Amino acid sequence: METNEVIKLAKTYLTPNYNRYPLVIVKGKRATVWDAEGKKYIDFVSGLGVNNLGHCFTAVNKAIAKQMAKLIHTSNLYYTEPQALYAQALVEQLYKGKVFFCNSGAEANEAAIKLARRYSIEKYDKSKTDIIAFDGSFHGRTLGALSVTSGKKFRDGFGPLLSGVKHVPYGDLEAVEKAITKKTCAVIIEPVQGESGVHVLTAAFLKKLAKTCSSKNVLLIFDEVQTGFGRTGKLFALEHSKVKPDIITMGKGVANGFPMGVMFAKDAVAKSFEPGTHASTFGGGPGACAGALVVLKEISKQETLDNARSMGRYMLIKLTGMKNSMPAKIKEVRGLGLLVGLELTFPCAEVVEKCMGMGLLINCANESTLRFMPPLTVSKTEVDKALNIVSKILIA
């Protein structure tokens, strides 16, 4: 189909809740995609941090296809080998605990909210249900996840949301301490905020936060939906601080494009999810788990994580040089691993469109920050090409 035909069909039959670019992507391989007209693009969006191994990673695709030819779905009334094997492999990469499988990061956060409340009610008091979240946060668009998400643009028009949620300044420990009461059951935080413009917390802050939560009998939830699976140069961002949160949520990069979400909880907390307390019809399906197992093995390889760290450092150095040469246009460079933000002194929407015209896909996080999320396997040549395009546009 021609580009205009696809766009016409989509506008006719799909709900208008996305601001889409006039681009129809038909094929992808590693850090490259092609549109319906055959034009090639360097993809530094990676499906919004999903395709961490790049598009159509052969081993992942083969594992999913092989499993799908054998068994697609059974429901969670029964056991399947791919689900059990993936659960074992993932928990062994973390610490003692259990995992719940779902289909997205938002669903994982919903599960975390429910589990935190149920555990706290059972262990402490039925009134211990409040949650502390942070300004600038994004945890998803379902009702519970939206309640702990910050920002009018996400929340307006969907009230009333969950009661008992307080938002405090990101990285402000004193504000957290003041907000905690006897009714607080959990604090939920992203170790790096992506949607607010890529803001990185220090290891020292996260350690102090963990200590505060522990001393107050408050569960600590790390939302690793965007930062997990190698995005920050470690398998999980929690490794930078060596903090072991009570609950971890995951999504996006779990299965490299096959829908899957995960909630991990320490054993003592996970026990509160007794039979019938929570469920997901499609969660942990055989195909998703078969693909996720390969993703985990590939991203856990030292060379993959080394590349994410080295290319991330290289991008920060190059972008900092760009900032120094254009102080009137570039306000700040931020990032960890291959989650990198370039904050401009003006709205970045036009820059994104111009980049697309020159064969580079990036996106705006917040209104003025260009967000770069290339595959963890990205090459130095691809980074150079991408940043040269950004530089040319900003210089013009």
Protein backbone atom coordinates (compact mmCIF):
# COMPACT_ATOMS: atom_id res chain seq x y z
CA MET A 1 0.00 0.00 0.00
CA GLU A 2 1.06 3.59 -0.61
CA THR A 3 1.77 5.87 2.36
CA ASN A 4 -1.30 8.03 1.82
CA GLU A 5 -3.55 4.94 1.60
CA VAL A 6 -2.32 3.57 4.95
CA ILE A 7 -2.70 6.97 6.63
CA LYS A 8 -6.23 7.42 5.24
CA LEU A 9 -7.31 3.99 6.51
CA ALA A 10 -5.78 4.61 9.94
CA LYS A 11 -7.47 8.00 10.32
CA THR A 12 -10.79 6.49 9.29
CA TYR A 13 -10.83 3.51 11.63
CA LEU A 14 -8.45 4.15 14.55
CA THR A 15 -9.22 6.29 17.58
CA PRO A 16 -7.48 9.69 17.31
CA ASN A 17 -5.45 9.41 20.56
CA TYR A 18 -2.00 9.47 18.93
CA ASN A 19 -0.13 12.36 17.31
CA ARG A 20 1.40 10.33 14.50
CA TYR A 21 4.00 11.48 12.03
CA PRO A 22 3.14 11.01 8.32
CA LEU A 23 5.47 8.01 8.14
CA VAL A 24 4.58 4.39 7.43
CA ILE A 25 7.30 2.01 8.62
CA VAL A 26 7.29 -1.33 6.82
CA LYS A 27 10.59 -3.00 7.74
CA GLY A 28 13.34 -2.87 10.35
CA LYS A 29 16.72 -4.42 11.01
CA ARG A 30 18.87 -3.57 14.05
CA ALA A 31 19.12 0.26 14.17
CA THR A 32 17.57 0.86 10.74
CA VAL A 33 13.98 1.07 9.51
CA TRP A 34 12.48 1.60 6.06
CA ASP A 35 9.28 3.42 5.11
CA ALA A 36 6.67 2.50 2.52
CA GLU A 37 8.53 4.49 -0.12
CA GLY A 38 11.79 2.66 0.51
CA LYS A 39 13.52 5.49 2.39
CA LYS A 40 15.94 4.39 5.13
CA TYR A 41 16.15 5.88 8.64
CA ILE A 42 18.49 5.50 11.62
CA ASP A 43 16.12 4.64 14.46
CA PHE A 44 17.08 6.21 17.80
CA VAL A 45 13.55 5.80 19.20
CA SER A 46 13.65 1.99 19.22
CA GLY A 47 9.91 1.73 19.65
CA LEU A 48 10.22 4.03 22.72
CA GLY A 49 12.91 1.95 24.37
CA VAL A 50 11.44 -1.42 23.39
CA ASN A 51 13.74 -2.80 20.70
CA ASN A 52 16.83 -2.88 22.90
CA LEU A 53 18.50 -5.48 20.67
CA GLY A 54 17.41 -3.64 17.55
CA HIS A 55 14.68 -4.52 15.10
CA CYS A 56 14.08 -8.15 14.15
CA PHE A 57 16.89 -9.66 16.22
CA THR A 58 17.24 -13.05 14.56
CA ALA A 59 17.59 -15.28 17.63
CA VAL A 60 14.60 -13.68 19.36
CA ASN A 61 12.39 -13.94 16.27
CA LYS A 62 13.34 -17.59 15.74
CA ALA A 63 12.60 -18.49 19.36
CA ILE A 64 9.17 -16.85 19.23
CA ALA A 65 8.30 -18.40 15.85
CA LYS A 66 9.38 -21.87 16.99
CA GLN A 67 7.27 -21.65 20.14
CA MET A 68 4.25 -20.19 18.35
CA ALA A 69 4.26 -23.12 15.93
CA LYS A 70 4.01 -25.45 18.92
CA LEU A 71 1.75 -23.65 21.43
CA ILE A 72 0.42 -20.09 21.46
CA HIS A 73 -1.87 -19.85 24.50
CA THR A 74 -3.23 -21.93 27.37
CA SER A 75 -4.17 -19.34 30.06
CA ASN A 76 -2.64 -19.40 33.51
CA LEU A 77 -4.87 -22.25 34.66
CA TYR A 78 -1.99 -24.46 33.55
CA TYR A 79 1.82 -24.53 33.66
CA THR A 80 4.06 -24.05 30.63
CA GLU A 81 7.76 -24.75 30.29
CA PRO A 82 8.73 -21.40 28.66
CA GLN A 83 7.10 -19.47 31.52
CA ALA A 84 8.81 -21.50 34.23
CA LEU A 85 12.21 -21.28 32.53
CA TYR A 86 11.98 -17.53 32.03
CA ALA A 87 10.85 -16.92 35.60
CA GLN A 88 13.86 -18.86 36.87
CA ALA A 89 16.30 -17.06 34.58
CA LEU A 90 15.00 -13.59 35.46
CA VAL A 91 14.88 -14.10 39.23
CA GLU A 92 18.41 -15.54 39.16
CA GLN A 93 19.57 -12.23 37.62
CA LEU A 94 18.03 -10.32 40.53
CA TYR A 95 17.71 -11.63 44.09
CA LYS A 96 15.36 -13.89 46.03
CA GLY A 97 11.78 -13.24 45.02
CA LYS A 98 8.90 -14.11 42.71
CA VAL A 99 7.66 -12.72 39.40
CA PHE A 100 4.19 -11.97 38.03
CA PHE A 101 3.86 -11.78 34.24
CA CYS A 102 1.53 -9.44 32.36
CA ASN A 103 1.53 -7.62 29.01
CA SER A 104 2.93 -4.10 29.56
CA GLY A 105 4.69 -1.77 31.93
CA ALA A 106 1.42 -0.11 32.92
CA GLU A 107 -0.02 -3.49 33.89
CA ALA A 108 3.12 -4.26 35.89
CA ASN A 109 2.66 -1.00 37.80
CA GLU A 110 -1.01 -1.80 38.42
CA ALA A 111 0.08 -5.13 39.90
CA ALA A 112 2.69 -3.39 42.05
CA ILE A 113 0.13 -0.94 43.44
CA LYS A 114 -2.30 -3.74 44.26
CA LEU A 115 0.39 -5.90 45.86
CA ALA A 116 1.80 -3.03 47.94
CA ARG A 117 -1.65 -2.23 49.30
CA ARG A 118 -2.61 -5.83 49.99
CA TYR A 119 0.69 -6.64 51.72
CA SER A 120 0.50 -3.51 53.89
CA ILE A 121 -3.12 -4.09 54.84
CA GLU A 122 -2.40 -7.70 55.81
CA LYS A 123 0.80 -6.96 57.70
CA TYR A 124 0.03 -3.61 59.31
CA ASP A 125 -3.37 -1.95 59.07
CA LYS A 126 -6.30 -1.64 56.66
CA SER A 127 -5.68 2.12 56.44
CA LYS A 128 -2.08 1.68 55.19
CA THR A 129 -2.81 2.24 51.49
CA ASP A 130 -1.30 5.63 50.57
CA ILE A 131 1.44 5.94 47.96
CA ILE A 132 4.14 8.56 47.40
CA ALA A 133 5.22 9.29 43.83
CA PHE A 134 7.29 12.06 42.24
CA ASP A 135 6.85 15.17 40.15
CA GLY A 136 7.74 14.45 36.54
CA SER A 137 6.98 10.74 36.86
CA PHE A 138 5.35 8.54 34.25
CA HIS A 139 4.10 5.08 35.23
CA GLY A 140 1.44 4.38 32.61
CA ARG A 141 -2.04 5.38 31.47
CA THR A 142 -4.28 2.81 33.16
CA LEU A 143 -6.16 4.21 36.14
CA GLY A 144 -3.87 3.11 38.98
CA ALA A 145 -0.68 3.81 37.05
CA LEU A 146 -2.09 7.17 35.97
CA SER A 147 -2.81 8.03 39.59
CA VAL A 148 0.91 7.83 40.45
CA THR A 149 1.88 9.56 37.19
CA SER A 150 2.56 13.29 37.36
CA GLY A 151 1.42 15.93 34.91
CA LYS A 152 -1.86 17.55 33.88
CA LYS A 153 -1.47 16.51 30.24
CA PHE A 154 -1.74 12.85 31.24
CA ARG A 155 -4.28 13.14 34.09
CA ASP A 156 -6.80 15.81 33.04
CA GLY A 157 -10.23 14.53 32.14
CA PHE A 158 -9.88 11.12 33.83
CA GLY A 159 -10.72 11.88 37.44
CA PRO A 160 -11.34 10.97 40.09
CA LEU A 161 -8.12 8.97 40.28
CA LEU A 162 -6.93 6.82 43.20
CA SER A 163 -7.04 8.64 46.52
CA GLY A 164 -4.12 8.69 48.91
CA VAL A 165 -1.44 9.52 46.33
CA LYS A 166 1.05 12.34 47.05
CA HIS A 167 3.59 13.71 44.57
CA VAL A 168 6.81 15.24 45.86
CA PRO A 169 9.80 16.84 44.07
CA TYR A 170 12.00 14.30 42.29
CA GLY A 171 15.19 13.65 44.23
CA ASP A 172 14.05 15.48 47.37
CA LEU A 173 14.52 13.11 50.33
CA GLU A 174 13.33 15.62 52.91
CA ALA A 175 10.04 15.98 51.01
CA VAL A 176 9.62 12.19 51.01
CA GLU A 177 10.25 12.01 54.74
CA LYS A 178 7.69 14.76 55.41
CA ALA A 179 5.12 13.07 53.17
CA ILE A 180 5.33 9.65 54.84
CA THR A 181 2.61 8.94 57.39
CA LYS A 182 1.31 5.83 59.14
CA LYS A 183 -1.00 5.37 56.15
CA THR A 184 1.84 5.24 53.59
CA CYS A 185 2.30 1.79 52.10
CA ALA A 186 4.78 2.49 49.28
CA VAL A 187 7.03 4.89 47.45
CA ILE A 188 7.24 4.41 43.67
CA ILE A 189 10.13 5.90 41.72
CA GLU A 190 11.91 5.72 38.37
CA PRO A 191 15.71 5.59 38.90
CA VAL A 192 15.91 7.66 35.72
CA GLN A 193 12.89 9.66 34.58
CA GLY A 194 12.44 9.39 30.84
CA GLU A 195 9.23 11.20 29.95
CA SER A 196 10.12 14.31 31.97
CA GLY A 197 13.25 14.82 29.87
CA VAL A 198 15.79 12.21 31.06
CA HIS A 199 16.68 13.06 34.67
CA VAL A 200 19.13 10.82 36.50
CA LEU A 201 19.11 10.29 40.26
CA THR A 202 22.32 9.75 42.20
CA ALA A 203 23.15 6.41 43.78
CA ALA A 204 23.50 8.21 47.12
CA PHE A 205 19.92 9.48 46.97
CA LEU A 206 18.49 6.07 46.11
CA LYS A 207 20.39 4.42 48.96
CA LYS A 208 19.08 7.02 51.43
CA LEU A 209 15.56 6.60 50.05
CA ALA A 210 15.75 2.83 50.50
CA LYS A 211 16.94 3.28 54.09
CA THR A 212 14.13 5.73 54.84
CA CYS A 213 11.47 3.41 53.41
CA SER A 214 12.81 0.44 55.35
CA SER A 215 12.86 2.37 58.64
CA LYS A 216 9.25 3.50 58.14
CA ASN A 217 7.87 0.08 57.05
CA VAL A 218 7.15 1.50 53.60
CA LEU A 219 7.69 -0.61 50.48
CA LEU A 220 10.03 0.75 47.82
CA ILE A 221 8.95 0.20 44.22
CA PHE A 222 11.38 0.77 41.36
CA ASP A 223 9.72 1.39 38.02
CA GLU A 224 12.29 -0.04 35.59
CA VAL A 225 9.93 -0.14 32.61
CA GLN A 226 12.17 2.17 30.58
CA THR A 227 15.48 1.70 32.39
CA GLY A 228 15.49 -2.10 32.55
CA PHE A 229 17.13 -4.63 30.24
CA GLY A 230 20.38 -2.85 29.59
CA ARG A 231 19.10 0.62 28.72
CA THR A 232 21.33 2.36 31.33
CA GLY A 233 24.40 0.17 30.73
CA LYS A 234 23.51 -2.29 33.49
CA LEU A 235 20.95 -5.07 33.20
CA PHE A 236 18.81 -3.02 35.61
CA ALA A 237 19.33 0.56 36.74
CA LEU A 238 19.12 -0.54 40.37
CA GLU A 239 22.62 -2.03 39.95
CA HIS A 240 24.13 1.47 39.77
CA SER A 241 23.07 2.12 43.37
CA LYS A 242 23.09 -1.51 44.60
CA VAL A 243 19.64 -0.88 46.09
CA LYS A 244 17.34 -3.90 46.31
CA PRO A 245 13.79 -2.53 46.13
CA ASP A 246 10.88 -4.55 47.49
CA ILE A 247 9.13 -4.49 44.12
CA ILE A 248 10.44 -3.91 40.58
CA THR A 249 8.27 -3.31 37.53
CA MET A 250 9.38 -4.00 33.97
CA GLY A 251 8.01 -3.67 30.45
CA LYS A 252 9.15 -2.26 27.09
CA GLY A 253 12.43 -4.15 26.42
CA VAL A 254 11.41 -7.45 28.09
CA ALA A 255 10.83 -9.32 24.82
CA ASN A 256 12.25 -6.87 22.24
CA GLY A 257 8.87 -5.90 20.78
CA PHE A 258 6.68 -8.83 21.77
CA PRO A 259 4.24 -7.46 24.37
CA MET A 260 5.22 -8.44 27.91
CA GLY A 261 5.40 -6.90 31.37
CA VAL A 262 6.84 -8.18 34.63
CA MET A 263 6.43 -7.40 38.31
CA PHE A 264 9.09 -8.78 40.65
CA ALA A 265 8.64 -8.82 44.42
CA LYS A 266 10.70 -10.05 47.33
CA ASP A 267 9.40 -13.34 48.72
CA ALA A 268 7.90 -11.85 51.89
CA VAL A 269 5.90 -9.35 49.82
CA ALA A 270 4.98 -11.71 46.97
CA LYS A 271 3.22 -14.06 49.41
CA SER A 272 0.32 -11.60 49.57
CA PHE A 273 -0.64 -12.48 46.02
CA GLU A 274 -2.54 -15.60 46.96
CA PRO A 275 -4.60 -17.52 44.36
CA GLY A 276 -7.39 -15.34 43.00
CA THR A 277 -6.00 -12.00 44.21
CA HIS A 278 -4.62 -10.94 40.82
CA ALA A 279 -4.38 -12.35 37.29
CA SER A 280 -3.62 -11.74 33.63
CA THR A 281 -5.23 -13.85 30.88
CA PHE A 282 -2.33 -13.45 28.47
CA GLY A 283 0.44 -12.81 31.01
CA GLY A 284 3.53 -14.91 30.51
CA GLY A 285 2.32 -16.58 27.33
CA PRO A 286 4.59 -19.24 25.78
CA GLY A 287 5.69 -17.10 22.83
CA ALA A 288 6.43 -14.02 24.93
CA CYS A 289 8.46 -16.04 27.44
CA ALA A 290 10.39 -17.87 24.73
CA GLY A 291 11.41 -14.53 23.22
CA ALA A 292 12.08 -12.90 26.58
CA LEU A 293 14.43 -15.71 27.59
CA VAL A 294 16.61 -15.08 24.52
CA VAL A 295 16.50 -11.31 25.13
CA LEU A 296 17.68 -11.81 28.71
CA LYS A 297 20.55 -14.05 27.62
CA GLU A 298 21.68 -11.64 24.89
CA ILE A 299 21.44 -8.46 26.97
CA SER A 300 23.19 -10.13 29.92
CA LYS A 301 26.27 -10.70 27.77
CA GLN A 302 29.12 -8.49 28.86
CA GLU A 303 29.80 -7.26 25.33
CA THR A 304 26.20 -6.00 24.99
CA LEU A 305 26.29 -4.07 28.26
CA ASP A 306 29.82 -2.82 27.57
CA ASN A 307 28.65 -1.43 24.23
CA ALA A 308 25.67 0.29 25.86
CA ARG A 309 27.96 1.97 28.39
CA SER A 310 30.70 2.93 25.93
CA MET A 311 28.31 4.25 23.27
CA GLY A 312 26.36 6.10 25.97
CA ARG A 313 29.53 7.79 27.22
CA TYR A 314 30.51 8.59 23.65
CA MET A 315 27.12 10.21 22.99
CA LEU A 316 27.36 12.31 26.15
CA ILE A 317 30.84 13.52 25.17
CA LYS A 318 29.73 14.39 21.62
CA LEU A 319 26.56 16.12 22.80
CA THR A 320 28.44 18.05 25.48
CA GLY A 321 30.79 19.31 22.77
CA MET A 322 27.76 20.32 20.75
CA LYS A 323 26.35 22.17 23.77
CA ASN A 324 29.61 24.04 24.32
CA SER A 325 29.56 25.20 20.71
CA MET A 326 25.88 26.23 20.79
CA PRO A 327 25.12 27.53 24.32
CA ALA A 328 22.29 29.69 23.07
CA LYS A 329 20.43 26.66 21.70
CA ILE A 330 21.37 23.83 24.06
CA LYS A 331 20.64 24.09 27.77
CA GLU A 332 21.82 20.74 29.16
CA VAL A 333 22.96 17.20 28.35
CA ARG A 334 21.76 14.37 30.61
CA GLY A 335 21.80 10.61 30.49
CA LEU A 336 22.85 7.22 31.72
CA GLY A 337 23.91 4.49 29.32
CA LEU A 338 21.84 4.74 26.15
CA LEU A 339 19.02 6.78 27.67
CA VAL A 340 20.19 10.26 26.74
CA GLY A 341 18.51 13.66 26.71
CA LEU A 342 19.53 16.90 25.00
CA GLU A 343 17.56 19.80 26.48
CA LEU A 344 17.17 22.72 24.11
CA THR A 345 16.35 26.32 24.93
CA PHE A 346 13.27 26.12 22.68
CA PRO A 347 10.56 23.54 21.79
CA CYS A 348 12.02 20.53 20.01
CA ALA A 349 9.10 19.34 17.86
CA GLU A 350 10.40 21.04 14.72
CA VAL A 351 13.88 19.55 15.25
CA VAL A 352 12.36 16.06 15.43
CA GLU A 353 10.53 16.63 12.15
CA LYS A 354 13.64 17.95 10.44
CA CYS A 355 15.65 14.97 11.70
CA MET A 356 13.06 12.67 10.17
CA GLY A 357 13.41 14.48 6.88
CA MET A 358 17.16 13.81 6.99
CA GLY A 359 16.77 10.13 7.87
CA LEU A 360 16.92 10.08 11.70
CA LEU A 361 14.15 9.12 14.11
CA ILE A 362 14.29 10.65 17.61
CA ASN A 363 11.54 12.01 19.83
CA CYS A 364 10.67 14.82 22.22
CA ALA A 365 10.49 14.05 25.93
CA ASN A 366 8.71 16.90 27.62
CA GLU A 367 8.52 19.90 25.30
CA SER A 368 12.15 20.81 24.85
CA THR A 369 14.28 17.68 25.34
CA LEU A 370 15.42 15.47 22.49
CA ARG A 371 15.51 11.87 23.73
CA PHE A 372 17.92 9.35 22.22
CA MET A 373 17.27 5.62 22.81
CA PRO A 374 19.19 3.65 20.18
CA PRO A 375 19.53 -0.14 20.39
CA LEU A 376 22.15 -1.37 22.84
CA THR A 377 23.99 -2.81 19.84
CA VAL A 378 24.33 0.56 18.09
CA SER A 379 27.65 1.23 16.39
CA LYS A 380 29.91 4.28 16.64
CA THR A 381 29.28 4.94 12.95
CA GLU A 382 25.52 5.05 13.54
CA VAL A 383 25.95 7.36 16.53
CA ASP A 384 28.15 9.69 14.49
CA LYS A 385 25.64 9.79 11.63
CA ALA A 386 22.76 10.51 13.99
CA LEU A 387 24.50 13.27 15.92
CA ASN A 388 25.83 14.86 12.75
CA ILE A 389 22.23 15.19 11.54
CA VAL A 390 21.19 16.82 14.83
CA SER A 391 24.17 19.16 14.73
CA LYS A 392 23.46 20.30 11.15
CA ILE A 393 19.84 21.07 12.02
CA LEU A 394 20.73 23.01 15.17
CA ILE A 395 23.46 24.99 13.41
CA ALA A 396 21.16 26.00 10.54
